[in-house]
Structure formats: C-alpha cells, structure tokens
C-alpha cells in the first residue's frame, strides 16, 4: 500500500495503513486554533499549532511534519 500524501494552501495530510495525520483548517480546538491531528492505535492525538514550535502556523506542510515528528517521539505505532 502506498501512503496518500496531499497538501494545499490551508491543509496537509498523510493517510497510510497504520497512521492518518492532518494539519489545517478542518481541525480546530476550543479557541478556533488550527491543529495537527493524528489517528493510530485507536487513539486520536490533537496538538494546536501554538504547541508545534513552528514559525508560521500557516505553513501547513511544516506543521504536518512537526506534528508527525512529535507523535513519533512520544508514541510507538503498532499494527
């Protein structure tokens, strides 16, 4: 299976067998802040853009990659 990778000016995402990750306007928190969201191991992890440590919260590709990196540092993916 080849992962599906997509991006536009206001979102970016990755969809694969064991991980789905998204950053953009469709996922927000209670303050209407854009968030990174990952789904894996029957869990959903949501990180607001202000916690990603990026310079530009509208650089969706960087925010997606930073979010994936943070998740990979903290969690193990299991099939």
PDB file of N, CA and C in Angstrom:
ATOM      1  N   UNK A   1       0.842  -1.180   0.000  1.00  0.00           N
ATOM      2  CA  UNK A   1       0.000   0.000   0.000  1.00  0.00           C
ATOM      3  C   UNK A   1       0.892   1.251   0.000  1.00  0.00           C
ATOM      4  N   UNK A   2       0.635   2.143  -0.880  1.00  0.00           N
ATOM      5  CA  UNK A   2       1.379   3.394  -0.970  1.00  0.00           C
ATOM      6  C   UNK A   2       0.614   4.455  -0.174  1.00  0.00           C
ATOM      7  N   UNK A   3       1.279   5.175   0.740  1.00  0.00           N
ATOM      8  CA  UNK A   3       0.602   6.223   1.512  1.00  0.00           C
ATOM      9  C   UNK A   3       0.081   7.336   0.605  1.00  0.00           C
ATOM     10  N   UNK A   4      -1.025   7.916   0.985  1.00  0.00           N
ATOM     11  CA  UNK A   4      -1.598   9.054   0.276  1.00  0.00           C
ATOM     12  C   UNK A   4      -1.112  10.320   0.971  1.00  0.00           C
ATOM     13  N   UNK A   5      -0.397  11.171   0.250  1.00  0.00           N
ATOM     14  CA  UNK A   5       0.125  12.418   0.792  1.00  0.00           C
ATOM     15  C   UNK A   5      -0.503  13.554  -0.002  1.00  0.00           C
ATOM     16  N   UNK A   6      -1.028  14.550   0.697  1.00  0.00           N
ATOM     17  CA  UNK A   6      -1.715  15.642  -0.001  1.00  0.00           C
ATOM     18  C   UNK A   6      -1.467  16.966   0.720  1.00  0.00           C
ATOM     19  N   UNK A   7      -1.562  18.067  -0.021  1.00  0.00           N
ATOM     20  CA  UNK A   7      -1.428  19.387   0.596  1.00  0.00           C
ATOM     21  C   UNK A   7      -2.041  20.447  -0.308  1.00  0.00           C
ATOM     22  N   UNK A   8      -2.420  21.529   0.313  1.00  0.00           N
ATOM     23  CA  UNK A   8      -2.939  22.714  -0.369  1.00  0.00           C
ATOM     24  C   UNK A   8      -2.506  23.910   0.483  1.00  0.00           C
ATOM     25  N   UNK A   9      -2.986  25.078   0.174  1.00  0.00           N
ATOM     26  CA  UNK A   9      -2.563  26.272   0.918  1.00  0.00           C
ATOM     27  C   UNK A   9      -3.058  26.282   2.363  1.00  0.00           C
ATOM     28  N   UNK A  10      -4.145  25.565   2.668  1.00  0.00           N
ATOM     29  CA  UNK A  10      -4.704  25.621   4.014  1.00  0.00           C
ATOM     30  C   UNK A  10      -4.863  24.257   4.694  1.00  0.00           C
ATOM     31  N   UNK A  11      -4.181  23.229   4.185  1.00  0.00           N
ATOM     32  CA  UNK A  11      -4.165  21.930   4.850  1.00  0.00           C
ATOM     33  C   UNK A  11      -3.081  21.046   4.245  1.00  0.00           C
ATOM     34  N   UNK A  12      -2.694  20.018   4.993  1.00  0.00           N
ATOM     35  CA  UNK A  12      -1.762  18.992   4.514  1.00  0.00           C
ATOM     36  C   UNK A  12      -2.069  17.715   5.277  1.00  0.00           C
ATOM     37  N   UNK A  13      -1.838  16.581   4.641  1.00  0.00           N
ATOM     38  CA  UNK A  13      -2.150  15.341   5.314  1.00  0.00           C
ATOM     39  C   UNK A  13      -1.419  14.146   4.760  1.00  0.00           C
ATOM     40  N   UNK A  14      -1.535  13.077   5.512  1.00  0.00           N
ATOM     41  CA  UNK A  14      -0.948  11.793   5.153  1.00  0.00           C
ATOM     42  C   UNK A  14      -1.913  10.718   5.615  1.00  0.00           C
ATOM     43  N   UNK A  15      -2.143   9.758   4.757  1.00  0.00           N
ATOM     44  CA  UNK A  15      -3.006   8.642   5.115  1.00  0.00           C
ATOM     45  C   UNK A  15      -2.299   7.355   4.724  1.00  0.00           C
ATOM     46  N   UNK A  16      -2.085   6.484   5.699  1.00  0.00           N
ATOM     47  CA  UNK A  16      -1.420   5.211   5.448  1.00  0.00           C
ATOM     48  C   UNK A  16      -2.116   4.125   6.256  1.00  0.00           C
ATOM     49  N   UNK A  17      -1.610   2.910   6.147  1.00  0.00           N
ATOM     50  CA  UNK A  17      -2.252   1.766   6.797  1.00  0.00           C
ATOM     51  C   UNK A  17      -2.387   1.948   8.308  1.00  0.00           C
ATOM     52  N   UNK A  18      -1.335   2.409   8.974  1.00  0.00           N
ATOM     53  CA  UNK A  18      -1.342   2.482  10.435  1.00  0.00           C
ATOM     54  C   UNK A  18      -1.380   3.889  11.016  1.00  0.00           C
ATOM     55  N   UNK A  19      -1.355   4.904  10.157  1.00  0.00           N
ATOM     56  CA  UNK A  19      -1.334   6.283  10.641  1.00  0.00           C
ATOM     57  C   UNK A  19      -2.051   7.203   9.672  1.00  0.00           C
ATOM     58  N   UNK A  20      -2.913   8.040  10.224  1.00  0.00           N
ATOM     59  CA  UNK A  20      -3.515   9.128   9.473  1.00  0.00           C
ATOM     60  C   UNK A  20      -3.148  10.409  10.202  1.00  0.00           C
ATOM     61  N   UNK A  21      -2.618  11.392   9.461  1.00  0.00           N
ATOM     62  CA  UNK A  21      -2.206  12.655  10.069  1.00  0.00           C
ATOM     63  C   UNK A  21      -2.716  13.800   9.211  1.00  0.00           C
ATOM     64  N   UNK A  22      -3.122  14.883   9.865  1.00  0.00           N
ATOM     65  CA  UNK A  22      -3.699  16.035   9.170  1.00  0.00           C
ATOM     66  C   UNK A  22      -3.342  17.304   9.931  1.00  0.00           C
ATOM     67  N   UNK A  23      -3.099  18.378   9.196  1.00  0.00           N
ATOM     68  CA  UNK A  23      -2.976  19.711   9.791  1.00  0.00           C
ATOM     69  C   UNK A  23      -3.709  20.678   8.878  1.00  0.00           C
ATOM     70  N   UNK A  24      -4.544  21.528   9.471  1.00  0.00           N
ATOM     71  CA  UNK A  24      -5.218  22.531   8.664  1.00  0.00           C
ATOM     72  C   UNK A  24      -6.499  23.043   9.271  1.00  0.00           C
ATOM     73  N   UNK A  25      -7.249  23.743   8.433  1.00  0.00           N
ATOM     74  CA  UNK A  25      -8.434  24.476   8.869  1.00  0.00           C
ATOM     75  C   UNK A  25      -9.586  23.586   9.330  1.00  0.00           C
ATOM     76  N   UNK A  26      -9.612  22.326   8.935  1.00  0.00           N
ATOM     77  CA  UNK A  26     -10.741  21.449   9.281  1.00  0.00           C
ATOM     78  C   UNK A  26     -10.694  20.924  10.713  1.00  0.00           C
ATOM     79  N   UNK A  27      -9.531  21.027  11.360  1.00  0.00           N
ATOM     80  CA  UNK A  27      -9.401  20.551  12.742  1.00  0.00           C
ATOM     81  C   UNK A  27      -8.957  21.734  13.602  1.00  0.00           C
ATOM     82  N   UNK A  28      -9.819  22.137  14.526  1.00  0.00           N
ATOM     83  CA  UNK A  28      -9.514  23.268  15.404  1.00  0.00           C
ATOM     84  C   UNK A  28      -9.783  22.884  16.860  1.00  0.00           C
ATOM     85  N   UNK A  29      -9.278  23.711  17.760  1.00  0.00           N
ATOM     86  CA  UNK A  29      -9.545  23.485  19.174  1.00  0.00           C
ATOM     87  C   UNK A  29     -10.628  24.445  19.656  1.00  0.00           C
ATOM     88  N   UNK A  30     -10.826  24.505  20.966  1.00  0.00           N
ATOM     89  CA  UNK A  30     -11.886  25.351  21.534  1.00  0.00           C
ATOM     90  C   UNK A  30     -11.638  26.843  21.307  1.00  0.00           C
ATOM     91  N   UNK A  31     -10.396  27.229  20.969  1.00  0.00           N
ATOM     92  CA  UNK A  31     -10.061  28.630  20.681  1.00  0.00           C
ATOM     93  C   UNK A  31     -10.044  28.914  19.188  1.00  0.00           C
ATOM     94  N   UNK A  32     -10.533  27.987  18.391  1.00  0.00           N
ATOM     95  CA  UNK A  32     -10.569  28.083  16.940  1.00  0.00           C
ATOM     96  C   UNK A  32      -9.163  28.113  16.331  1.00  0.00           C
ATOM     97  N   UNK A  33      -8.187  27.559  17.045  1.00  0.00           N
ATOM     98  CA  UNK A  33      -6.809  27.472  16.561  1.00  0.00           C
ATOM     99  C   UNK A  33      -6.650  26.208  15.723  1.00  0.00           C
ATOM    100  N   UNK A  34      -5.997  26.328  14.566  1.00  0.00           N
ATOM    101  CA  UNK A  34      -5.755  25.168  13.729  1.00  0.00           C
ATOM    102  C   UNK A  34      -4.924  24.152  14.498  1.00  0.00           C
ATOM    103  N   UNK A  35      -5.178  22.866  14.250  1.00  0.00           N
ATOM    104  CA  UNK A  35      -4.499  21.813  14.987  1.00  0.00           C
ATOM    105  C   UNK A  35      -3.948  20.732  14.054  1.00  0.00           C
ATOM    106  N   UNK A  36      -2.920  20.073  14.540  1.00  0.00           N
ATOM    107  CA  UNK A  36      -2.439  18.833  13.954  1.00  0.00           C
ATOM    108  C   UNK A  36      -3.237  17.716  14.614  1.00  0.00           C
ATOM    109  N   UNK A  37      -3.626  16.716  13.832  1.00  0.00           N
ATOM    110  CA  UNK A  37      -4.335  15.570  14.394  1.00  0.00           C
ATOM    111  C   UNK A  37      -3.776  14.282  13.807  1.00  0.00           C
ATOM    112  N   UNK A  38      -3.504  13.318  14.665  1.00  0.00           N
ATOM    113  CA  UNK A  38      -3.031  12.004  14.235  1.00  0.00           C
ATOM    114  C   UNK A  38      -3.963  10.937  14.779  1.00  0.00           C
ATOM    115  N   UNK A  39      -4.224   9.931  13.957  1.00  0.00           N
ATOM    116  CA  UNK A  39      -5.054   8.797  14.366  1.00  0.00           C
ATOM    117  C   UNK A  39      -4.250   7.522  14.142  1.00  0.00           C
ATOM    118  N   UNK A  40      -4.058   6.742  15.205  1.00  0.00           N
ATOM    119  CA  UNK A  40      -3.321   5.488  15.145  1.00  0.00           C
ATOM    120  C   UNK A  40      -3.598   4.709  16.423  1.00  0.00           C
ATOM    121  N   UNK A  41      -3.429   3.408  16.369  1.00  0.00           N
ATOM    122  CA  UNK A  41      -3.631   2.546  17.542  1.00  0.00           C
ATOM    123  C   UNK A  41      -4.942   2.841  18.272  1.00  0.00           C
ATOM    124  N   UNK A  42      -5.978   3.164  17.549  1.00  0.00           N
ATOM    125  CA  UNK A  42      -7.283   3.513  18.128  1.00  0.00           C
ATOM    126  C   UNK A  42      -7.216   4.737  19.036  1.00  0.00           C
ATOM    127  N   UNK A  43      -6.247   5.605  18.805  1.00  0.00           N
ATOM    128  CA  UNK A  43      -6.111   6.857  19.548  1.00  0.00           C
ATOM    129  C   UNK A  43      -6.199   8.039  18.592  1.00  0.00           C
ATOM    130  N   UNK A  44      -6.615   9.164  19.129  1.00  0.00           N
ATOM    131  CA  UNK A  44      -6.581  10.421  18.381  1.00  0.00           C
ATOM    132  C   UNK A  44      -5.767  11.408  19.200  1.00  0.00           C
ATOM    133  N   UNK A  45      -4.710  11.936  18.589  1.00  0.00           N
ATOM    134  CA  UNK A  45      -3.841  12.920  19.223  1.00  0.00           C
ATOM    135  C   UNK A  45      -4.068  14.249  18.514  1.00  0.00           C
ATOM    136  N   UNK A  46      -4.331  15.287  19.267  1.00  0.00           N
ATOM    137  CA  UNK A  46      -4.593  16.612  18.697  1.00  0.00           C
ATOM    138  C   UNK A  46      -3.634  17.615  19.339  1.00  0.00           C
ATOM    139  N   UNK A  47      -2.897  18.359  18.504  1.00  0.00           N
ATOM    140  CA  UNK A  47      -1.924  19.334  19.001  1.00  0.00           C
ATOM    141  C   UNK A  47      -2.205  20.678  18.325  1.00  0.00           C
ATOM    142  N   UNK A  48      -2.507  21.733  19.088  1.00  0.00           N
ATOM    143  CA  UNK A  48      -2.735  23.051  18.493  1.00  0.00           C
ATOM    144  C   UNK A  48      -1.451  23.611  17.880  1.00  0.00           C
ATOM    145  N   UNK A  49      -1.593  24.450  16.871  1.00  0.00           N
ATOM    146  CA  UNK A  49      -0.429  24.994  16.167  1.00  0.00           C
ATOM    147  C   UNK A  49       0.529  25.719  17.097  1.00  0.00           C
ATOM    148  N   UNK A  50       0.026  26.365  18.142  1.00  0.00           N
ATOM    149  CA  UNK A  50       0.892  27.095  19.073  1.00  0.00           C
ATOM    150  C   UNK A  50       1.824  26.170  19.855  1.00  0.00           C
ATOM    151  N   UNK A  51       1.525  24.876  19.891  1.00  0.00           N
ATOM    152  CA  UNK A  51       2.360  23.913  20.620  1.00  0.00           C
ATOM    153  C   UNK A  51       3.302  23.135  19.695  1.00  0.00           C
ATOM    154  N   UNK A  52       3.255  23.402  18.387  1.00  0.00           N
ATOM    155  CA  UNK A  52       4.083  22.668  17.441  1.00  0.00           C
ATOM    156  C   UNK A  52       5.502  23.222  17.338  1.00  0.00           C
ATOM    157  N   UNK A  53       5.714  24.445  17.771  1.00  0.00           N
ATOM    158  CA  UNK A  53       7.048  25.033  17.715  1.00  0.00           C
ATOM    159  C   UNK A  53       7.473  25.456  16.319  1.00  0.00           C
ATOM    160  N   UNK A  54       6.528  25.944  15.528  1.00  0.00           N
ATOM    161  CA  UNK A  54       6.838  26.410  14.177  1.00  0.00           C
ATOM    162  C   UNK A  54       6.776  27.938  14.113  1.00  0.00           C
ATOM    163  N   UNK A  55       7.465  28.508  13.139  1.00  0.00           N
ATOM    164  CA  UNK A  55       7.475  29.961  12.975  1.00  0.00           C
ATOM    165  C   UNK A  55       6.189  30.469  12.325  1.00  0.00           C
ATOM    166  N   UNK A  56       5.650  29.681  11.392  1.00  0.00           N
ATOM    167  CA  UNK A  56       4.479  30.116  10.628  1.00  0.00           C
ATOM    168  C   UNK A  56       3.392  29.055  10.711  1.00  0.00           C
ATOM    169  N   UNK A  57       2.333  29.343  11.462  1.00  0.00           N
ATOM    170  CA  UNK A  57       1.258  28.357  11.622  1.00  0.00           C
ATOM    171  C   UNK A  57       0.479  28.105  10.339  1.00  0.00           C
ATOM    172  N   UNK A  58       0.729  28.917   9.305  1.00  0.00           N
ATOM    173  CA  UNK A  58       0.061  28.718   8.025  1.00  0.00           C
ATOM    174  C   UNK A  58       0.925  27.938   7.032  1.00  0.00           C
ATOM    175  N   UNK A  59       2.120  27.515   7.458  1.00  0.00           N
ATOM    176  CA  UNK A  59       2.942  26.611   6.653  1.00  0.00           C
ATOM    177  C   UNK A  59       2.475  25.195   6.985  1.00  0.00           C
ATOM    178  N   UNK A  60       1.462  24.754   6.281  1.00  0.00           N
ATOM    179  CA  UNK A  60       0.785  23.504   6.620  1.00  0.00           C
ATOM    180  C   UNK A  60       1.688  22.283   6.500  1.00  0.00           C
ATOM    181  N   UNK A  61       2.583  22.276   5.522  1.00  0.00           N
ATOM    182  CA  UNK A  61       3.480  21.136   5.377  1.00  0.00           C
ATOM    183  C   UNK A  61       4.429  21.041   6.563  1.00  0.00           C
ATOM    184  N   UNK A  62       5.010  22.161   6.979  1.00  0.00           N
ATOM    185  CA  UNK A  62       5.893  22.142   8.145  1.00  0.00           C
ATOM    186  C   UNK A  62       5.140  21.717   9.402  1.00  0.00           C
ATOM    187  N   UNK A  63       3.933  22.228   9.580  1.00  0.00           N
ATOM    188  CA  UNK A  63       3.136  21.866  10.758  1.00  0.00           C
ATOM    189  C   UNK A  63       2.788  20.382  10.750  1.00  0.00           C
ATOM    190  N   UNK A  64       2.471  19.837   9.590  1.00  0.00           N
ATOM    191  CA  UNK A  64       2.186  18.406   9.486  1.00  0.00           C
ATOM    192  C   UNK A  64       3.416  17.592   9.863  1.00  0.00           C
ATOM    193  N   UNK A  65       4.562  17.940   9.292  1.00  0.00           N
ATOM    194  CA  UNK A  65       5.788  17.191   9.581  1.00  0.00           C
ATOM    195  C   UNK A  65       6.209  17.328  11.035  1.00  0.00           C
ATOM    196  N   UNK A  66       6.077  18.519  11.593  1.00  0.00           N
ATOM    197  CA  UNK A  66       6.423  18.714  13.009  1.00  0.00           C
ATOM    198  C   UNK A  66       5.505  17.883  13.893  1.00  0.00           C
ATOM    199  N   UNK A  67       4.210  17.874  13.584  1.00  0.00           N
ATOM    200  CA  UNK A  67       3.271  17.069  14.358  1.00  0.00           C
ATOM    201  C   UNK A  67       3.582  15.584  14.292  1.00  0.00           C
ATOM    202  N   UNK A  68       3.876  15.079  13.086  1.00  0.00           N
ATOM    203  CA  UNK A  68       4.236  13.676  12.933  1.00  0.00           C
ATOM    204  C   UNK A  68       5.488  13.373  13.753  1.00  0.00           C
ATOM    205  N   UNK A  69       6.466  14.260  13.703  1.00  0.00           N
ATOM    206  CA  UNK A  69       7.705  14.058  14.459  1.00  0.00           C
ATOM    207  C   UNK A  69       7.446  13.995  15.960  1.00  0.00           C
ATOM    208  N   UNK A  70       6.615  14.896  16.464  1.00  0.00           N
ATOM    209  CA  UNK A  70       6.303  14.896  17.895  1.00  0.00           C
ATOM    210  C   UNK A  70       5.597  13.613  18.314  1.00  0.00           C
ATOM    211  N   UNK A  71       4.681  13.153  17.483  1.00  0.00           N
ATOM    212  CA  UNK A  71       3.969  11.907  17.781  1.00  0.00           C
ATOM    213  C   UNK A  71       4.941  10.729  17.779  1.00  0.00           C
ATOM    214  N   UNK A  72       5.831  10.679  16.793  1.00  0.00           N
ATOM    215  CA  UNK A  72       6.780   9.567  16.701  1.00  0.00           C
ATOM    216  C   UNK A  72       7.771   9.572  17.863  1.00  0.00           C
ATOM    217  N   UNK A  73       8.074  10.742  18.412  1.00  0.00           N
ATOM    218  CA  UNK A  73       8.975  10.813  19.563  1.00  0.00           C
ATOM    219  C   UNK A  73       8.310  10.288  20.837  1.00  0.00           C
ATOM    220  N   UNK A  74       6.998  10.403  20.931  1.00  0.00           N
ATOM    221  CA  UNK A  74       6.300  10.076  22.164  1.00  0.00           C
ATOM    222  C   UNK A  74       5.610   8.710  22.161  1.00  0.00           C
ATOM    223  N   UNK A  75       5.172   8.255  20.984  1.00  0.00           N
ATOM    224  CA  UNK A  75       4.361   7.030  20.915  1.00  0.00           C
ATOM    225  C   UNK A  75       4.996   6.003  20.004  1.00  0.00           C
ATOM    226  N   UNK A  76       4.623   4.733  20.209  1.00  0.00           N
ATOM    227  CA  UNK A  76       5.004   3.666  19.302  1.00  0.00           C
ATOM    228  C   UNK A  76       3.789   3.294  18.475  1.00  0.00           C
ATOM    229  N   UNK A  77       3.987   3.139  17.191  1.00  0.00           N
ATOM    230  CA  UNK A  77       2.914   2.684  16.328  1.00  0.00           C
ATOM    231  C   UNK A  77       2.944   1.162  16.314  1.00  0.00           C
ATOM    232  N   UNK A  78       1.802   0.561  16.505  1.00  0.00           N
ATOM    233  CA  UNK A  78       1.724  -0.897  16.441  1.00  0.00           C
ATOM    234  C   UNK A  78       0.667  -1.288  15.418  1.00  0.00           C
ATOM    235  N   UNK A  79       0.922  -2.341  14.655  1.00  0.00           N
ATOM    236  CA  UNK A  79      -0.050  -2.768  13.643  1.00  0.00           C
ATOM    237  C   UNK A  79      -1.288  -3.376  14.253  1.00  0.00           C
TER     238      UNK A  79
END
